[in-house]
Amino acid sequence: MIESSFVDGNSLIHRLDPRFRVAMAIGISVFIALADRFPTLLISLLLSLVLVALARLGTMRVFRRLVVVNGMVLVFWLILPLTVAGDAILNLGPILLTKAGVLLAARLTLKSNGIILALIALMATCPVTAIGYAMKSLWIPEKIVYLFLITYRYIFVLEQEYQRLMMAAKIRCFRPGNNLHTYRTFAYLIGMLFVRASLRGERVYQAMCCRGFNGRFYLLYEFRASWVDWIFLTALSLVILLLGFMEWGMVL
C-alpha cells in the first residue's frame, strides 16, 4: 500500500498537510469498520473512490493493490455463505448457502475495499517518514511511531536476506514440493531468517548508538497547515457526520 510511486504527484491530496491526512485516514477507516448498513457502506466506498480520483493515481496501479486485497475477500465468499447460520437461499444437496453468510461477505467486501482505497489516497501518497512524524504530532506513542518507521525501513532488508537464503537453497538443487523435505527446508529457512534478523537488529542498534542515538528521532522541519487543509478536513468531517447520522441517527 505505502509505495514510493504513489508519493510522486502534485494533486490536491498530495499538497495536504500529512497530519491532516493521517487524521482523516484514521477517521474514515474507523467509521467504515464500525458501519453496518449497506447504503452507508456504498456511499463510503464512493467517498474513497472520490479521494483516489482527487489524488490522481494511476488506475492500474490502484487496481493491482485491490486485486491483492480481494484475493483474501474471495476466501470469505467461499467460506462465510457455507458456515454462517441463517435462512437458506440455495440448497444443492450437502451445499447450503445462507442469506446471512452472503450479506456478511458483502459487508466485508465493501468495508475492506473502502478502507484500502481511503488509505491509498491519503496515506500512500505521503512519504513514510512524514507519516511517522505526523503520527507523533497527533500524540501517538513514540514507541509505536519508531516501531513503524524502523519496520518499514528494514522489512526490505529482511526480504533481501530471504532471497539470499532461497538462492543458496536453489544452488544446492532444492526444488520445493509437497513433501516432508520441503517442509523441513522451509522451517530451517524461516528459523535462519529470524536468527539473521536478530543479529542484524543488534548491529543496527549498535551503529545507531555510535552515531549518538538516544532513543528519540528529531524532526528537521515543521508542519504548517494552510486554509486548504482546514477546509478539506471540515468538509470530510461533515460528510462522515452525515454518514454517521444515516447509520445510527435514524435507528435512534
Protein backbone atom coordinates (compact mmCIF):
# COMPACT_ATOMS: atom_id res chain seq x y z
CA MET A 1 0.00 0.00 0.00
CA ILE A 2 2.67 2.50 1.03
CA GLU A 3 4.64 2.64 -2.20
CA SER A 4 7.01 5.38 -3.28
CA SER A 5 5.44 5.57 -6.74
CA PHE A 6 2.26 6.97 -5.20
CA VAL A 7 4.22 9.70 -3.40
CA ASP A 8 5.17 11.46 -6.65
CA GLY A 9 2.38 13.80 -7.65
CA ASN A 10 1.03 17.31 -7.43
CA SER A 11 -2.66 16.73 -6.75
CA LEU A 12 -4.79 18.32 -4.06
CA ILE A 13 -4.30 15.27 -1.84
CA HIS A 14 -0.51 15.39 -2.27
CA ARG A 15 -0.43 19.00 -1.13
CA LEU A 16 -2.38 18.41 2.08
CA ASP A 17 -0.58 18.51 5.43
CA PRO A 18 0.49 14.95 6.45
CA ARG A 19 -1.07 15.40 9.90
CA PHE A 20 -4.45 16.09 8.36
CA ARG A 21 -4.13 13.15 6.01
CA VAL A 22 -3.28 10.73 8.81
CA ALA A 23 -6.14 12.04 10.95
CA MET A 24 -8.61 11.76 8.05
CA ALA A 25 -7.40 8.26 7.16
CA ILE A 26 -7.88 7.10 10.76
CA GLY A 27 -11.34 8.70 10.95
CA ILE A 28 -12.58 7.20 7.67
CA SER A 29 -11.16 3.76 8.47
CA VAL A 30 -12.72 3.64 11.93
CA PHE A 31 -16.10 4.78 10.61
CA ILE A 32 -16.17 2.24 7.77
CA ALA A 33 -15.10 -0.52 10.14
CA LEU A 34 -17.98 0.32 12.53
CA ALA A 35 -20.64 0.88 9.85
CA ASP A 36 -23.06 -1.92 9.08
CA ARG A 37 -25.84 -0.68 6.78
CA PHE A 38 -25.37 -1.20 3.06
CA PRO A 39 -26.36 2.35 1.94
CA THR A 40 -23.75 3.80 4.29
CA LEU A 41 -21.09 1.35 3.15
CA LEU A 42 -21.80 2.04 -0.52
CA ILE A 43 -21.55 5.81 -0.03
CA SER A 44 -18.35 5.33 2.00
CA LEU A 45 -16.87 3.30 -0.86
CA LEU A 46 -17.87 6.08 -3.27
CA LEU A 47 -16.20 8.61 -0.96
CA SER A 48 -12.98 6.59 -1.04
CA LEU A 49 -13.13 6.46 -4.84
CA VAL A 50 -13.54 10.25 -4.90
CA LEU A 51 -10.42 10.60 -2.75
CA VAL A 52 -8.48 8.33 -5.13
CA ALA A 53 -9.68 10.43 -8.06
CA LEU A 54 -8.59 13.64 -6.31
CA ALA A 55 -5.16 12.08 -5.73
CA ARG A 56 -4.93 11.38 -9.47
CA LEU A 57 -3.37 7.96 -9.05
CA GLY A 58 -2.86 5.50 -11.87
CA THR A 59 -5.92 3.29 -12.31
CA MET A 60 -3.92 0.13 -12.99
CA ARG A 61 -1.61 0.63 -10.01
CA VAL A 62 -4.60 1.05 -7.68
CA PHE A 63 -6.31 -1.93 -9.30
CA ARG A 64 -3.28 -4.14 -8.63
CA ARG A 65 -3.44 -3.28 -4.91
CA LEU A 66 -7.14 -4.12 -4.86
CA VAL A 67 -6.50 -7.48 -6.51
CA VAL A 68 -4.28 -8.48 -3.58
CA VAL A 69 -6.88 -7.42 -1.02
CA ASN A 70 -9.80 -9.03 -2.84
CA GLY A 71 -7.88 -12.29 -3.03
CA MET A 72 -8.49 -12.61 0.72
CA VAL A 73 -12.05 -11.34 0.31
CA LEU A 74 -12.67 -14.15 -2.18
CA VAL A 75 -11.82 -16.63 0.58
CA PHE A 76 -14.56 -15.05 2.71
CA TRP A 77 -17.04 -15.52 -0.13
CA LEU A 78 -16.09 -19.19 -0.34
CA ILE A 79 -16.38 -19.83 3.41
CA LEU A 80 -18.94 -17.49 5.02
CA PRO A 81 -22.05 -18.40 2.93
CA LEU A 82 -21.41 -22.05 3.83
CA THR A 83 -20.65 -21.63 7.53
CA VAL A 84 -22.78 -18.76 8.86
CA ALA A 85 -26.14 -19.93 10.18
CA GLY A 86 -29.30 -18.43 8.71
CA ASP A 87 -32.05 -18.81 6.14
CA ALA A 88 -31.02 -20.82 3.10
CA ILE A 89 -31.07 -19.14 -0.29
CA LEU A 90 -29.60 -22.05 -2.24
CA ASN A 91 -29.64 -25.75 -1.42
CA LEU A 92 -27.52 -28.06 -3.57
CA GLY A 93 -27.58 -31.30 -1.65
CA PRO A 94 -24.90 -31.05 1.06
CA ILE A 95 -24.07 -27.46 0.00
CA LEU A 96 -26.23 -24.89 1.77
CA LEU A 97 -25.79 -21.17 1.10
CA THR A 98 -27.26 -18.87 3.73
CA LYS A 99 -28.52 -15.32 3.32
CA ALA A 100 -26.71 -14.17 6.47
CA GLY A 101 -23.40 -15.52 5.17
CA VAL A 102 -23.78 -13.78 1.80
CA LEU A 103 -24.67 -10.46 3.47
CA LEU A 104 -21.71 -10.74 5.84
CA ALA A 105 -19.33 -11.44 2.93
CA ALA A 106 -20.79 -8.46 1.03
CA ARG A 107 -20.26 -6.18 4.04
CA LEU A 108 -16.66 -7.33 4.40
CA THR A 109 -16.09 -6.70 0.69
CA LEU A 110 -17.40 -3.13 0.87
CA LYS A 111 -15.54 -2.41 4.10
CA SER A 112 -12.18 -3.77 3.00
CA ASN A 113 -12.24 -2.02 -0.37
CA GLY A 114 -13.44 1.27 1.13
CA ILE A 115 -10.72 1.27 3.79
CA ILE A 116 -7.94 0.27 1.40
CA LEU A 117 -8.90 2.89 -1.17
CA ALA A 118 -9.01 5.61 1.51
CA LEU A 119 -5.62 4.56 2.84
CA ILE A 120 -4.13 4.51 -0.66
CA ALA A 121 -5.43 8.00 -1.39
CA LEU A 122 -4.46 9.59 1.94
CA MET A 123 -1.51 7.57 3.26
CA ALA A 124 0.23 6.03 0.26
CA THR A 125 0.60 9.49 -1.29
CA CYS A 126 2.64 10.64 1.71
CA PRO A 127 6.31 9.77 2.38
CA VAL A 128 6.69 7.19 5.14
CA THR A 129 8.91 9.47 7.23
CA ALA A 130 6.29 12.21 7.03
CA ILE A 131 3.64 9.72 8.16
CA GLY A 132 5.79 8.85 11.17
CA TYR A 133 6.30 12.50 12.09
CA ALA A 134 2.58 13.17 11.59
CA MET A 135 1.72 10.26 13.90
CA LYS A 136 3.99 11.75 16.54
CA SER A 137 2.35 15.17 16.10
CA LEU A 138 -1.03 13.53 16.70
CA TRP A 139 0.17 12.27 20.12
CA ILE A 140 0.52 8.65 19.08
CA PRO A 141 3.01 6.98 21.48
CA GLU A 142 6.60 7.42 20.34
CA LYS A 143 7.43 3.73 20.62
CA ILE A 144 4.69 2.89 18.11
CA VAL A 145 5.96 5.61 15.76
CA TYR A 146 9.56 4.39 15.97
CA LEU A 147 8.48 0.78 15.52
CA PHE A 148 6.55 1.80 12.41
CA LEU A 149 9.48 3.71 10.89
CA ILE A 150 12.12 1.07 11.64
CA THR A 151 9.87 -1.78 10.49
CA TYR A 152 9.26 -0.08 7.15
CA ARG A 153 12.96 0.66 6.76
CA TYR A 154 14.17 -2.88 7.44
CA ILE A 155 11.37 -5.03 6.08
CA PHE A 156 13.08 -4.78 2.70
CA VAL A 157 16.40 -5.80 4.25
CA LEU A 158 14.74 -8.94 5.60
CA GLU A 159 13.26 -9.60 2.17
CA GLN A 160 16.77 -9.45 0.70
CA GLU A 161 18.01 -11.87 3.35
CA TYR A 162 15.18 -14.23 2.42
CA GLN A 163 16.08 -14.05 -1.27
CA ARG A 164 19.72 -14.85 -0.47
CA LEU A 165 18.71 -17.88 1.59
CA MET A 166 16.41 -19.10 -1.19
CA MET A 167 19.18 -18.63 -3.75
CA ALA A 168 21.56 -20.64 -1.58
CA ALA A 169 18.97 -23.42 -1.32
CA LYS A 170 18.39 -23.47 -5.10
CA ILE A 171 22.14 -23.62 -5.75
CA ARG A 172 22.10 -26.79 -3.64
CA CYS A 173 19.46 -28.20 -6.01
CA PHE A 174 16.50 -27.59 -3.71
CA ARG A 175 13.19 -27.90 -5.54
CA PRO A 176 10.07 -27.17 -3.44
CA GLY A 177 7.33 -29.77 -3.49
CA ASN A 178 4.60 -31.32 -1.38
CA ASN A 179 6.84 -33.49 0.79
CA LEU A 180 8.46 -33.62 4.21
CA HIS A 181 11.85 -32.48 2.91
CA THR A 182 10.32 -29.25 1.55
CA TYR A 183 8.51 -28.51 4.82
CA ARG A 184 11.68 -29.13 6.81
CA THR A 185 13.74 -26.94 4.49
CA PHE A 186 11.34 -24.01 4.75
CA ALA A 187 11.24 -24.42 8.53
CA TYR A 188 15.05 -24.20 8.64
CA LEU A 189 14.95 -21.23 6.27
CA ILE A 190 12.45 -19.29 8.39
CA GLY A 191 14.41 -20.10 11.54
CA MET A 192 17.65 -18.88 9.97
CA LEU A 193 15.84 -15.74 8.77
CA PHE A 194 14.81 -14.93 12.36
CA VAL A 195 18.36 -15.53 13.56
CA ARG A 196 19.80 -13.22 10.90
CA ALA A 197 17.13 -10.61 11.65
CA SER A 198 18.09 -10.66 15.33
CA LEU A 199 21.79 -10.30 14.54
CA ARG A 200 21.09 -7.52 12.02
CA GLY A 201 18.94 -5.72 14.62
CA GLU A 202 21.79 -5.81 17.15
CA ARG A 203 24.24 -4.42 14.60
CA VAL A 204 21.83 -1.67 13.57
CA TYR A 205 21.23 -0.67 17.18
CA GLN A 206 24.96 -0.54 17.90
CA ALA A 207 25.54 1.54 14.77
CA MET A 208 22.79 3.96 15.84
CA CYS A 209 24.29 4.27 19.32
CA CYS A 210 27.68 5.03 17.78
CA ARG A 211 26.02 7.89 15.91
CA GLY A 212 24.56 9.38 19.09
CA PHE A 213 21.09 7.81 19.09
CA ASN A 214 19.46 8.40 22.48
CA GLY A 215 16.08 6.80 21.90
CA ARG A 216 14.46 9.70 20.04
CA PHE A 217 14.12 10.82 16.44
CA TYR A 218 14.10 14.55 15.82
CA LEU A 219 12.01 16.34 13.23
CA LEU A 220 14.11 18.50 10.92
CA TYR A 221 11.19 20.52 9.58
CA GLU A 222 7.88 21.78 10.90
CA PHE A 223 4.44 21.08 9.52
CA ARG A 224 2.41 24.12 8.54
CA ALA A 225 -1.32 23.84 7.97
CA SER A 226 -2.97 26.05 5.37
CA TRP A 227 -6.58 27.09 4.93
CA VAL A 228 -6.96 24.39 2.27
CA ASP A 229 -6.13 21.73 4.87
CA TRP A 230 -8.75 23.04 7.27
CA ILE A 231 -11.41 23.34 4.56
CA PHE A 232 -10.73 19.79 3.33
CA LEU A 233 -10.77 18.40 6.89
CA THR A 234 -14.01 20.24 7.68
CA ALA A 235 -15.73 19.05 4.51
CA LEU A 236 -14.67 15.46 5.04
CA SER A 237 -15.72 15.59 8.70
CA LEU A 238 -19.17 16.86 7.71
CA VAL A 239 -19.54 14.03 5.21
CA ILE A 240 -18.58 11.46 7.86
CA LEU A 241 -21.02 13.04 10.35
CA LEU A 242 -23.78 12.84 7.73
CA LEU A 243 -22.96 9.21 7.07
CA GLY A 244 -22.93 8.59 10.82
CA PHE A 245 -26.42 10.07 11.06
CA MET A 246 -27.55 7.77 8.25
CA GLU A 247 -26.00 4.80 10.04
CA TRP A 248 -27.06 5.38 13.64
CA GLY A 249 -29.19 8.53 13.86
CA MET A 250 -32.18 7.06 12.05
CA VAL A 251 -32.06 3.97 14.25
CA LEU A 252 -32.04 6.08 17.43
